[in-house]
């Protein structure tokens, strides 16, 4: 995952049962944070911003990645839309301009 940006567009991995998808996403980030080559950033859009709230176990994994130097970014438009400004426990607010900059410099991997 080194020199990559993860675009996280959902609070679960894959389509299907919500509980299964949330578990899969948590497992993905649990394993990822143990790897040597970490991504440059995780950019959360749409329902992906919910992973940055305490309601999501994924927030713990993303906070650990952030502590290891990975930029954890939340789309401002999405955070505002879902009214999550006061509920974020990981990451920082960002905009599409920053994502476009990252995408022009690094390969993007989309999780949805």
PDB file of N, CA and C in Angstrom:
ATOM      1  N   UNK A   1       0.805  -1.198   0.000  1.00  0.00           N
ATOM      2  CA  UNK A   1       0.000   0.000   0.000  1.00  0.00           C
ATOM      3  C   UNK A   1       0.852   1.267   0.000  1.00  0.00           C
ATOM      4  N   UNK A   2       2.153   1.103   0.038  1.00  0.00           N
ATOM      5  CA  UNK A   2       3.031   2.268   0.054  1.00  0.00           C
ATOM      6  C   UNK A   2       2.794   3.119  -1.197  1.00  0.00           C
ATOM      7  N   UNK A   3       2.816   4.452  -1.021  1.00  0.00           N
ATOM      8  CA  UNK A   3       2.589   5.403  -2.116  1.00  0.00           C
ATOM      9  C   UNK A   3       1.209   5.263  -2.746  1.00  0.00           C
ATOM     10  N   UNK A   4       0.235   4.900  -1.923  1.00  0.00           N
ATOM     11  CA  UNK A   4      -1.143   4.771  -2.393  1.00  0.00           C
ATOM     12  C   UNK A   4      -2.049   5.624  -1.502  1.00  0.00           C
ATOM     13  N   UNK A   5      -3.192   5.982  -2.052  1.00  0.00           N
ATOM     14  CA  UNK A   5      -4.235   6.674  -1.311  1.00  0.00           C
ATOM     15  C   UNK A   5      -5.465   5.785  -1.348  1.00  0.00           C
ATOM     16  N   UNK A   6      -6.078   5.578  -0.200  1.00  0.00           N
ATOM     17  CA  UNK A   6      -7.308   4.790  -0.137  1.00  0.00           C
ATOM     18  C   UNK A   6      -8.488   5.754  -0.122  1.00  0.00           C
ATOM     19  N   UNK A   7      -9.392   5.570  -1.062  1.00  0.00           N
ATOM     20  CA  UNK A   7     -10.642   6.325  -1.112  1.00  0.00           C
ATOM     21  C   UNK A   7     -11.712   5.434  -0.497  1.00  0.00           C
ATOM     22  N   UNK A   8     -12.207   5.842   0.666  1.00  0.00           N
ATOM     23  CA  UNK A   8     -13.180   5.050   1.415  1.00  0.00           C
ATOM     24  C   UNK A   8     -14.551   5.698   1.262  1.00  0.00           C
ATOM     25  N   UNK A   9     -15.439   5.037   0.503  1.00  0.00           N
ATOM     26  CA  UNK A   9     -16.723   5.658   0.185  1.00  0.00           C
ATOM     27  C   UNK A   9     -17.907   5.029   0.928  1.00  0.00           C
ATOM     28  N   UNK A  10     -17.609   4.139   1.870  1.00  0.00           N
ATOM     29  CA  UNK A  10     -18.688   3.475   2.594  1.00  0.00           C
ATOM     30  C   UNK A  10     -18.238   3.162   4.012  1.00  0.00           C
ATOM     31  N   UNK A  11     -19.195   2.889   4.887  1.00  0.00           N
ATOM     32  CA  UNK A  11     -18.860   2.478   6.246  1.00  0.00           C
ATOM     33  C   UNK A  11     -18.845   0.958   6.373  1.00  0.00           C
ATOM     34  N   UNK A  12     -18.861   0.285   5.222  1.00  0.00           N
ATOM     35  CA  UNK A  12     -18.739  -1.167   5.200  1.00  0.00           C
ATOM     36  C   UNK A  12     -18.019  -1.576   3.921  1.00  0.00           C
ATOM     37  N   UNK A  13     -17.486  -2.777   3.903  1.00  0.00           N
ATOM     38  CA  UNK A  13     -16.768  -3.273   2.740  1.00  0.00           C
ATOM     39  C   UNK A  13     -17.660  -4.246   1.985  1.00  0.00           C
ATOM     40  N   UNK A  14     -17.958  -3.910   0.744  1.00  0.00           N
ATOM     41  CA  UNK A  14     -18.787  -4.758  -0.085  1.00  0.00           C
ATOM     42  C   UNK A  14     -20.270  -4.493   0.092  1.00  0.00           C
ATOM     43  N   UNK A  15     -21.040  -5.121  -0.748  1.00  0.00           N
ATOM     44  CA  UNK A  15     -22.498  -5.009  -0.694  1.00  0.00           C
ATOM     45  C   UNK A  15     -23.050  -6.250  -0.020  1.00  0.00           C
ATOM     46  N   UNK A  16     -24.052  -6.093   0.781  1.00  0.00           N
ATOM     47  CA  UNK A  16     -24.645  -7.240   1.470  1.00  0.00           C
ATOM     48  C   UNK A  16     -25.031  -6.858   2.874  1.00  0.00           C
ATOM     49  N   UNK A  17     -24.914  -7.808   3.772  1.00  0.00           N
ATOM     50  CA  UNK A  17     -25.310  -7.574   5.163  1.00  0.00           C
ATOM     51  C   UNK A  17     -24.425  -6.512   5.797  1.00  0.00           C
ATOM     52  N   UNK A  18     -25.054  -5.510   6.408  1.00  0.00           N
ATOM     53  CA  UNK A  18     -24.336  -4.378   7.013  1.00  0.00           C
ATOM     54  C   UNK A  18     -23.325  -4.835   8.063  1.00  0.00           C
ATOM     55  N   UNK A  19     -23.749  -5.727   8.951  1.00  0.00           N
ATOM     56  CA  UNK A  19     -22.868  -6.194  10.021  1.00  0.00           C
ATOM     57  C   UNK A  19     -21.629  -6.893   9.461  1.00  0.00           C
ATOM     58  N   UNK A  20     -21.806  -7.705   8.443  1.00  0.00           N
ATOM     59  CA  UNK A  20     -20.686  -8.395   7.813  1.00  0.00           C
ATOM     60  C   UNK A  20     -19.742  -7.381   7.158  1.00  0.00           C
ATOM     61  N   UNK A  21     -20.309  -6.442   6.425  1.00  0.00           N
ATOM     62  CA  UNK A  21     -19.503  -5.434   5.742  1.00  0.00           C
ATOM     63  C   UNK A  21     -18.701  -4.573   6.693  1.00  0.00           C
ATOM     64  N   UNK A  22     -19.297  -4.208   7.841  1.00  0.00           N
ATOM     65  CA  UNK A  22     -18.582  -3.427   8.850  1.00  0.00           C
ATOM     66  C   UNK A  22     -17.430  -4.236   9.434  1.00  0.00           C
ATOM     67  N   UNK A  23     -17.671  -5.509   9.684  1.00  0.00           N
ATOM     68  CA  UNK A  23     -16.622  -6.392  10.208  1.00  0.00           C
ATOM     69  C   UNK A  23     -15.479  -6.568   9.228  1.00  0.00           C
ATOM     70  N   UNK A  24     -15.820  -6.720   7.951  1.00  0.00           N
ATOM     71  CA  UNK A  24     -14.787  -6.865   6.929  1.00  0.00           C
ATOM     72  C   UNK A  24     -13.918  -5.612   6.832  1.00  0.00           C
ATOM     73  N   UNK A  25     -14.550  -4.455   6.907  1.00  0.00           N
ATOM     74  CA  UNK A  25     -13.803  -3.204   6.824  1.00  0.00           C
ATOM     75  C   UNK A  25     -12.883  -3.048   8.032  1.00  0.00           C
ATOM     76  N   UNK A  26     -13.370  -3.386   9.208  1.00  0.00           N
ATOM     77  CA  UNK A  26     -12.525  -3.316  10.400  1.00  0.00           C
ATOM     78  C   UNK A  26     -11.339  -4.267  10.276  1.00  0.00           C
ATOM     79  N   UNK A  27     -11.579  -5.479   9.787  1.00  0.00           N
ATOM     80  CA  UNK A  27     -10.507  -6.445   9.593  1.00  0.00           C
ATOM     81  C   UNK A  27      -9.472  -5.924   8.590  1.00  0.00           C
ATOM     82  N   UNK A  28      -9.940  -5.329   7.503  1.00  0.00           N
ATOM     83  CA  UNK A  28      -9.035  -4.770   6.493  1.00  0.00           C
ATOM     84  C   UNK A  28      -8.068  -3.778   7.134  1.00  0.00           C
ATOM     85  N   UNK A  29      -8.601  -2.816   7.886  1.00  0.00           N
ATOM     86  CA  UNK A  29      -7.742  -1.789   8.472  1.00  0.00           C
ATOM     87  C   UNK A  29      -6.910  -2.328   9.641  1.00  0.00           C
ATOM     88  N   UNK A  30      -7.412  -3.335  10.355  1.00  0.00           N
ATOM     89  CA  UNK A  30      -6.629  -3.967  11.422  1.00  0.00           C
ATOM     90  C   UNK A  30      -5.378  -4.611  10.843  1.00  0.00           C
ATOM     91  N   UNK A  31      -5.535  -5.301   9.734  1.00  0.00           N
ATOM     92  CA  UNK A  31      -4.396  -5.957   9.088  1.00  0.00           C
ATOM     93  C   UNK A  31      -3.494  -4.920   8.429  1.00  0.00           C
ATOM     94  N   UNK A  32      -4.090  -3.931   7.778  1.00  0.00           N
ATOM     95  CA  UNK A  32      -3.309  -2.905   7.083  1.00  0.00           C
ATOM     96  C   UNK A  32      -2.370  -2.169   8.028  1.00  0.00           C
ATOM     97  N   UNK A  33      -2.837  -1.821   9.216  1.00  0.00           N
ATOM     98  CA  UNK A  33      -2.013  -1.023  10.145  1.00  0.00           C
ATOM     99  C   UNK A  33      -0.789  -1.793  10.640  1.00  0.00           C
ATOM    100  N   UNK A  34      -0.778  -3.115  10.444  1.00  0.00           N
ATOM    101  CA  UNK A  34       0.346  -3.942  10.868  1.00  0.00           C
ATOM    102  C   UNK A  34       1.402  -4.096   9.777  1.00  0.00           C
ATOM    103  N   UNK A  35       1.124  -3.591   8.595  1.00  0.00           N
ATOM    104  CA  UNK A  35       2.036  -3.744   7.459  1.00  0.00           C
ATOM    105  C   UNK A  35       3.128  -2.681   7.487  1.00  0.00           C
ATOM    106  N   UNK A  36       4.207  -2.971   6.798  1.00  0.00           N
ATOM    107  CA  UNK A  36       5.326  -2.033   6.702  1.00  0.00           C
ATOM    108  C   UNK A  36       4.975  -0.834   5.822  1.00  0.00           C
ATOM    109  N   UNK A  37       4.533  -1.098   4.607  1.00  0.00           N
ATOM    110  CA  UNK A  37       4.246  -0.037   3.647  1.00  0.00           C
ATOM    111  C   UNK A  37       2.839   0.492   3.804  1.00  0.00           C
ATOM    112  N   UNK A  38       2.678   1.524   4.603  1.00  0.00           N
ATOM    113  CA  UNK A  38       1.348   2.092   4.833  1.00  0.00           C
ATOM    114  C   UNK A  38       0.973   3.072   3.732  1.00  0.00           C
ATOM    115  N   UNK A  39      -0.316   3.281   3.507  1.00  0.00           N
ATOM    116  CA  UNK A  39      -0.732   4.256   2.496  1.00  0.00           C
ATOM    117  C   UNK A  39      -0.359   5.678   2.933  1.00  0.00           C
ATOM    118  N   UNK A  40      -0.337   6.574   1.988  1.00  0.00           N
ATOM    119  CA  UNK A  40      -0.071   7.980   2.268  1.00  0.00           C
ATOM    120  C   UNK A  40      -1.263   8.596   3.002  1.00  0.00           C
ATOM    121  N   UNK A  41      -2.474   8.215   2.560  1.00  0.00           N
ATOM    122  CA  UNK A  41      -3.678   8.812   3.123  1.00  0.00           C
ATOM    123  C   UNK A  41      -4.869   7.884   2.939  1.00  0.00           C
ATOM    124  N   UNK A  42      -5.880   8.102   3.790  1.00  0.00           N
ATOM    125  CA  UNK A  42      -7.201   7.511   3.620  1.00  0.00           C
ATOM    126  C   UNK A  42      -8.153   8.700   3.534  1.00  0.00           C
ATOM    127  N   UNK A  43      -8.857   8.811   2.401  1.00  0.00           N
ATOM    128  CA  UNK A  43      -9.781   9.922   2.192  1.00  0.00           C
ATOM    129  C   UNK A  43     -11.200   9.362   2.242  1.00  0.00           C
ATOM    130  N   UNK A  44     -11.972   9.810   3.233  1.00  0.00           N
ATOM    131  CA  UNK A  44     -13.323   9.286   3.455  1.00  0.00           C
ATOM    132  C   UNK A  44     -14.360  10.203   2.825  1.00  0.00           C
ATOM    133  N   UNK A  45     -15.205   9.629   1.981  1.00  0.00           N
ATOM    134  CA  UNK A  45     -16.285  10.365   1.332  1.00  0.00           C
ATOM    135  C   UNK A  45     -17.606   9.633   1.548  1.00  0.00           C
ATOM    136  N   UNK A  46     -18.686  10.318   1.268  1.00  0.00           N
ATOM    137  CA  UNK A  46     -20.028   9.770   1.403  1.00  0.00           C
ATOM    138  C   UNK A  46     -20.167   9.089   2.761  1.00  0.00           C
ATOM    139  N   UNK A  47     -20.691   7.871   2.830  1.00  0.00           N
ATOM    140  CA  UNK A  47     -20.881   7.203   4.128  1.00  0.00           C
ATOM    141  C   UNK A  47     -19.569   6.762   4.755  1.00  0.00           C
ATOM    142  N   UNK A  48     -18.481   6.880   4.029  1.00  0.00           N
ATOM    143  CA  UNK A  48     -17.173   6.572   4.594  1.00  0.00           C
ATOM    144  C   UNK A  48     -16.821   7.454   5.775  1.00  0.00           C
ATOM    145  N   UNK A  49     -17.397   8.655   5.840  1.00  0.00           N
ATOM    146  CA  UNK A  49     -17.100   9.545   6.966  1.00  0.00           C
ATOM    147  C   UNK A  49     -17.625   8.987   8.297  1.00  0.00           C
ATOM    148  N   UNK A  50     -18.597   8.088   8.239  1.00  0.00           N
ATOM    149  CA  UNK A  50     -19.104   7.478   9.469  1.00  0.00           C
ATOM    150  C   UNK A  50     -18.049   6.615  10.154  1.00  0.00           C
ATOM    151  N   UNK A  51     -17.045   6.147   9.410  1.00  0.00           N
ATOM    152  CA  UNK A  51     -15.977   5.338  10.008  1.00  0.00           C
ATOM    153  C   UNK A  51     -15.101   6.160  10.935  1.00  0.00           C
ATOM    154  N   UNK A  52     -15.247   7.468  10.901  1.00  0.00           N
ATOM    155  CA  UNK A  52     -14.439   8.357  11.739  1.00  0.00           C
ATOM    156  C   UNK A  52     -15.158   8.753  13.028  1.00  0.00           C
ATOM    157  N   UNK A  53     -16.312   8.163  13.268  1.00  0.00           N
ATOM    158  CA  UNK A  53     -17.080   8.457  14.488  1.00  0.00           C
ATOM    159  C   UNK A  53     -16.926   7.298  15.476  1.00  0.00           C
ATOM    160  N   UNK A  54     -17.227   7.571  16.747  1.00  0.00           N
ATOM    161  CA  UNK A  54     -17.092   6.514  17.753  1.00  0.00           C
ATOM    162  C   UNK A  54     -18.119   5.405  17.570  1.00  0.00           C
ATOM    163  N   UNK A  55     -19.116   5.626  16.733  1.00  0.00           N
ATOM    164  CA  UNK A  55     -20.107   4.579  16.460  1.00  0.00           C
ATOM    165  C   UNK A  55     -19.509   3.446  15.623  1.00  0.00           C
ATOM    166  N   UNK A  56     -18.350   3.685  15.017  1.00  0.00           N
ATOM    167  CA  UNK A  56     -17.709   2.696  14.159  1.00  0.00           C
ATOM    168  C   UNK A  56     -16.425   2.184  14.797  1.00  0.00           C
ATOM    169  N   UNK A  57     -16.290   0.875  14.895  1.00  0.00           N
ATOM    170  CA  UNK A  57     -15.051   0.286  15.410  1.00  0.00           C
ATOM    171  C   UNK A  57     -13.866   0.579  14.489  1.00  0.00           C
ATOM    172  N   UNK A  58     -14.159   0.880  13.232  1.00  0.00           N
ATOM    173  CA  UNK A  58     -13.104   1.203  12.271  1.00  0.00           C
ATOM    174  C   UNK A  58     -12.356   2.467  12.713  1.00  0.00           C
ATOM    175  N   UNK A  59     -13.032   3.354  13.441  1.00  0.00           N
ATOM    176  CA  UNK A  59     -12.382   4.597  13.880  1.00  0.00           C
ATOM    177  C   UNK A  59     -11.144   4.316  14.717  1.00  0.00           C
ATOM    178  N   UNK A  60     -11.143   3.239  15.476  1.00  0.00           N
ATOM    179  CA  UNK A  60      -9.974   2.877  16.285  1.00  0.00           C
ATOM    180  C   UNK A  60      -8.785   2.532  15.397  1.00  0.00           C
ATOM    181  N   UNK A  61      -9.058   1.787  14.331  1.00  0.00           N
ATOM    182  CA  UNK A  61      -7.981   1.399  13.410  1.00  0.00           C
ATOM    183  C   UNK A  61      -7.462   2.620  12.644  1.00  0.00           C
ATOM    184  N   UNK A  62      -8.389   3.482  12.229  1.00  0.00           N
ATOM    185  CA  UNK A  62      -7.985   4.681  11.493  1.00  0.00           C
ATOM    186  C   UNK A  62      -7.193   5.637  12.387  1.00  0.00           C
ATOM    187  N   UNK A  63      -7.557   5.728  13.648  1.00  0.00           N
ATOM    188  CA  UNK A  63      -6.803   6.565  14.591  1.00  0.00           C
ATOM    189  C   UNK A  63      -5.379   6.030  14.757  1.00  0.00           C
ATOM    190  N   UNK A  64      -5.236   4.713  14.812  1.00  0.00           N
ATOM    191  CA  UNK A  64      -3.893   4.121  14.915  1.00  0.00           C
ATOM    192  C   UNK A  64      -3.079   4.389  13.661  1.00  0.00           C
ATOM    193  N   UNK A  65      -3.706   4.293  12.504  1.00  0.00           N
ATOM    194  CA  UNK A  65      -3.004   4.624  11.260  1.00  0.00           C
ATOM    195  C   UNK A  65      -2.569   6.088  11.273  1.00  0.00           C
ATOM    196  N   UNK A  66      -3.449   6.953  11.752  1.00  0.00           N
ATOM    197  CA  UNK A  66      -3.127   8.376  11.846  1.00  0.00           C
ATOM    198  C   UNK A  66      -1.911   8.576  12.758  1.00  0.00           C
ATOM    199  N   UNK A  67      -1.849   7.858  13.870  1.00  0.00           N
ATOM    200  CA  UNK A  67      -0.714   7.952  14.788  1.00  0.00           C
ATOM    201  C   UNK A  67       0.576   7.454  14.155  1.00  0.00           C
ATOM    202  N   UNK A  68       0.455   6.613  13.119  1.00  0.00           N
ATOM    203  CA  UNK A  68       1.626   6.101  12.411  1.00  0.00           C
ATOM    204  C   UNK A  68       2.010   6.986  11.221  1.00  0.00           C
ATOM    205  N   UNK A  69       1.338   8.139  11.090  1.00  0.00           N
ATOM    206  CA  UNK A  69       1.717   9.091  10.055  1.00  0.00           C
ATOM    207  C   UNK A  69       0.864   9.097   8.805  1.00  0.00           C
ATOM    208  N   UNK A  70      -0.192   8.284   8.759  1.00  0.00           N
ATOM    209  CA  UNK A  70      -1.086   8.262   7.604  1.00  0.00           C
ATOM    210  C   UNK A  70      -2.082   9.409   7.748  1.00  0.00           C
ATOM    211  N   UNK A  71      -2.251  10.203   6.697  1.00  0.00           N
ATOM    212  CA  UNK A  71      -3.266  11.258   6.723  1.00  0.00           C
ATOM    213  C   UNK A  71      -4.647  10.619   6.629  1.00  0.00           C
ATOM    214  N   UNK A  72      -5.476  10.855   7.628  1.00  0.00           N
ATOM    215  CA  UNK A  72      -6.853  10.372   7.621  1.00  0.00           C
ATOM    216  C   UNK A  72      -7.720  11.602   7.397  1.00  0.00           C
ATOM    217  N   UNK A  73      -8.390  11.645   6.261  1.00  0.00           N
ATOM    218  CA  UNK A  73      -9.082  12.850   5.824  1.00  0.00           C
ATOM    219  C   UNK A  73     -10.573  12.592   5.618  1.00  0.00           C
ATOM    220  N   UNK A  74     -11.383  13.551   6.018  1.00  0.00           N
ATOM    221  CA  UNK A  74     -12.836  13.464   5.872  1.00  0.00           C
ATOM    222  C   UNK A  74     -13.312  14.571   4.939  1.00  0.00           C
ATOM    223  N   UNK A  75     -14.087  14.200   3.954  1.00  0.00           N
ATOM    224  CA  UNK A  75     -14.669  15.165   3.017  1.00  0.00           C
ATOM    225  C   UNK A  75     -15.579  16.124   3.773  1.00  0.00           C
ATOM    226  N   UNK A  76     -15.269  17.405   3.719  1.00  0.00           N
ATOM    227  CA  UNK A  76     -16.035  18.425   4.436  1.00  0.00           C
ATOM    228  C   UNK A  76     -17.502  18.442   4.008  1.00  0.00           C
ATOM    229  N   UNK A  77     -17.754  18.340   2.711  1.00  0.00           N
ATOM    230  CA  UNK A  77     -19.132  18.345   2.213  1.00  0.00           C
ATOM    231  C   UNK A  77     -19.926  17.190   2.814  1.00  0.00           C
ATOM    232  N   UNK A  78     -19.294  16.016   2.909  1.00  0.00           N
ATOM    233  CA  UNK A  78     -19.973  14.829   3.440  1.00  0.00           C
ATOM    234  C   UNK A  78     -20.199  14.945   4.944  1.00  0.00           C
ATOM    235  N   UNK A  79     -19.196  15.427   5.665  1.00  0.00           N
ATOM    236  CA  UNK A  79     -19.331  15.615   7.112  1.00  0.00           C
ATOM    237  C   UNK A  79     -20.462  16.598   7.400  1.00  0.00           C
ATOM    238  N   UNK A  80     -20.507  17.682   6.637  1.00  0.00           N
ATOM    239  CA  UNK A  80     -21.575  18.666   6.812  1.00  0.00           C
ATOM    240  C   UNK A  80     -22.942  18.065   6.478  1.00  0.00           C
ATOM    241  N   UNK A  81     -23.007  17.313   5.400  1.00  0.00           N
ATOM    242  CA  UNK A  81     -24.277  16.723   4.964  1.00  0.00           C
ATOM    243  C   UNK A  81     -24.859  15.808   6.048  1.00  0.00           C
ATOM    244  N   UNK A  82     -23.996  14.968   6.631  1.00  0.00           N
ATOM    245  CA  UNK A  82     -24.455  14.022   7.652  1.00  0.00           C
ATOM    246  C   UNK A  82     -24.426  14.622   9.064  1.00  0.00           C
ATOM    247  N   UNK A  83     -24.050  15.892   9.169  1.00  0.00           N
ATOM    248  CA  UNK A  83     -23.992  16.611  10.448  1.00  0.00           C
ATOM    249  C   UNK A  83     -23.131  15.862  11.469  1.00  0.00           C
ATOM    250  N   UNK A  84     -21.904  15.542  11.078  1.00  0.00           N
ATOM    251  CA  UNK A  84     -20.995  14.779  11.931  1.00  0.00           C
ATOM    252  C   UNK A  84     -19.846  15.615  12.493  1.00  0.00           C
ATOM    253  N   UNK A  85     -19.888  16.923  12.301  1.00  0.00           N
ATOM    254  CA  UNK A  85     -18.773  17.776  12.733  1.00  0.00           C
ATOM    255  C   UNK A  85     -18.343  17.521  14.171  1.00  0.00           C
ATOM    256  N   UNK A  86     -19.277  17.352  15.064  1.00  0.00           N
ATOM    257  CA  UNK A  86     -18.963  17.172  16.487  1.00  0.00           C
ATOM    258  C   UNK A  86     -18.743  15.706  16.864  1.00  0.00           C
ATOM    259  N   UNK A  87     -18.898  14.806  15.904  1.00  0.00           N
ATOM    260  CA  UNK A  87     -18.842  13.377  16.220  1.00  0.00           C
ATOM    261  C   UNK A  87     -17.569  12.687  15.743  1.00  0.00           C
ATOM    262  N   UNK A  88     -16.696  13.399  15.042  1.00  0.00           N
ATOM    263  CA  UNK A  88     -15.466  12.775  14.543  1.00  0.00           C
ATOM    264  C   UNK A  88     -14.493  12.527  15.691  1.00  0.00           C
ATOM    265  N   UNK A  89     -13.984  11.306  15.771  1.00  0.00           N
ATOM    266  CA  UNK A  89     -12.992  10.957  16.786  1.00  0.00           C
ATOM    267  C   UNK A  89     -11.642  10.630  16.157  1.00  0.00           C
ATOM    268  N   UNK A  90     -11.586  10.616  14.843  1.00  0.00           N
ATOM    269  CA  UNK A  90     -10.338  10.378  14.119  1.00  0.00           C
ATOM    270  C   UNK A  90     -10.366  11.228  12.851  1.00  0.00           C
ATOM    271  N   UNK A  91      -9.207  11.472  12.312  1.00  0.00           N
ATOM    272  CA  UNK A  91      -9.105  12.193  11.054  1.00  0.00           C
ATOM    273  C   UNK A  91      -9.272  13.689  11.206  1.00  0.00           C
ATOM    274  N   UNK A  92      -9.163  14.353  10.058  1.00  0.00           N
ATOM    275  CA  UNK A  92      -9.360  15.798  10.014  1.00  0.00           C
ATOM    276  C   UNK A  92     -10.154  16.145   8.763  1.00  0.00           C
ATOM    277  N   UNK A  93     -10.836  17.269   8.837  1.00  0.00           N
ATOM    278  CA  UNK A  93     -11.670  17.731   7.729  1.00  0.00           C
ATOM    279  C   UNK A  93     -10.785  18.163   6.571  1.00  0.00           C
ATOM    280  N   UNK A  94     -11.189  17.793   5.376  1.00  0.00           N
ATOM    281  CA  UNK A  94     -10.443  18.138   4.174  1.00  0.00           C
ATOM    282  C   UNK A  94     -11.434  18.410   3.046  1.00  0.00           C
ATOM    283  N   UNK A  95     -10.906  18.703   1.886  1.00  0.00           N
ATOM    284  CA  UNK A  95     -11.765  18.980   0.746  1.00  0.00           C
ATOM    285  C   UNK A  95     -11.349  18.207  -0.492  1.00  0.00           C
ATOM    286  N   UNK A  96     -12.176  18.286  -1.484  1.00  0.00           N
ATOM    287  CA  UNK A  96     -11.901  17.591  -2.737  1.00  0.00           C
ATOM    288  C   UNK A  96     -10.611  18.088  -3.388  1.00  0.00           C
ATOM    289  N   UNK A  97     -10.288  19.350  -3.168  1.00  0.00           N
ATOM    290  CA  UNK A  97      -9.048  19.896  -3.734  1.00  0.00           C
ATOM    291  C   UNK A  97      -7.837  19.101  -3.244  1.00  0.00           C
ATOM    292  N   UNK A  98      -7.816  18.781  -1.954  1.00  0.00           N
ATOM    293  CA  UNK A  98      -6.699  17.998  -1.414  1.00  0.00           C
ATOM    294  C   UNK A  98      -6.718  16.587  -1.981  1.00  0.00           C
ATOM    295  N   UNK A  99      -7.910  15.991  -2.119  1.00  0.00           N
ATOM    296  CA  UNK A  99      -7.979  14.646  -2.693  1.00  0.00           C
ATOM    297  C   UNK A  99      -7.481  14.646  -4.139  1.00  0.00           C
ATOM    298  N   UNK A 100      -7.877  15.635  -4.907  1.00  0.00           N
ATOM    299  CA  UNK A 100      -7.428  15.716  -6.302  1.00  0.00           C
ATOM    300  C   UNK A 100      -5.906  15.841  -6.359  1.00  0.00           C
ATOM    301  N   UNK A 101      -5.350  16.619  -5.453  1.00  0.00           N
ATOM    302  CA  UNK A 101      -3.897  16.729  -5.381  1.00  0.00           C
ATOM    303  C   UNK A 101      -3.237  15.402  -5.070  1.00  0.00           C
ATOM    304  N   UNK A 102      -3.778  14.682  -4.107  1.00  0.00           N
ATOM    305  CA  UNK A 102      -3.245  13.361  -3.755  1.00  0.00           C
ATOM    306  C   UNK A 102      -3.387  12.386  -4.920  1.00  0.00           C
ATOM    307  N   UNK A 103      -4.554  12.433  -5.577  1.00  0.00           N
ATOM    308  CA  UNK A 103      -4.822  11.506  -6.685  1.00  0.00           C
ATOM    309  C   UNK A 103      -3.912  11.775  -7.882  1.00  0.00           C
ATOM    310  N   UNK A 104      -3.467  13.016  -8.035  1.00  0.00           N
ATOM    311  CA  UNK A 104      -2.566  13.319  -9.150  1.00  0.00           C
ATOM    312  C   UNK A 104      -1.144  12.859  -8.854  1.00  0.00           C
ATOM    313  N   UNK A 105      -0.854  12.638  -7.581  1.00  0.00           N
ATOM    314  CA  UNK A 105       0.502  12.259  -7.184  1.00  0.00           C
ATOM    315  C   UNK A 105       0.641  10.768  -6.865  1.00  0.00           C
ATOM    316  N   UNK A 106      -0.446  10.139  -6.370  1.00  0.00           N
ATOM    317  CA  UNK A 106      -0.393   8.758  -5.922  1.00  0.00           C
ATOM    318  C   UNK A 106      -1.510   7.932  -6.544  1.00  0.00           C
ATOM    319  N   UNK A 107      -1.295   6.612  -6.598  1.00  0.00           N
ATOM    320  CA  UNK A 107      -2.335   5.704  -7.080  1.00  0.00           C
ATOM    321  C   UNK A 107      -3.461   5.645  -6.048  1.00  0.00           C
ATOM    322  N   UNK A 108      -4.701   5.644  -6.524  1.00  0.00           N
ATOM    323  CA  UNK A 108      -5.872   5.603  -5.659  1.00  0.00           C
ATOM    324  C   UNK A 108      -6.481   4.201  -5.680  1.00  0.00           C
ATOM    325  N   UNK A 109      -6.743   3.676  -4.509  1.00  0.00           N
ATOM    326  CA  UNK A 109      -7.444   2.403  -4.359  1.00  0.00           C
ATOM    327  C   UNK A 109      -8.784   2.719  -3.706  1.00  0.00           C
ATOM    328  N   UNK A 110      -9.871   2.331  -4.347  1.00  0.00           N
ATOM    329  CA  UNK A 110     -11.207   2.645  -3.845  1.00  0.00           C
ATOM    330  C   UNK A 110     -11.793   1.454  -3.096  1.00  0.00           C
ATOM    331  N   UNK A 111     -12.244   1.717  -1.866  1.00  0.00           N
ATOM    332  CA  UNK A 111     -12.980   0.717  -1.091  1.00  0.00           C
ATOM    333  C   UNK A 111     -14.416   1.188  -1.005  1.00  0.00           C
ATOM    334  N   UNK A 112     -15.348   0.299  -1.382  1.00  0.00           N
ATOM    335  CA  UNK A 112     -16.764   0.682  -1.320  1.00  0.00           C
ATOM    336  C   UNK A 112     -17.611  -0.506  -0.923  1.00  0.00           C
TER     337      UNK A 112
END
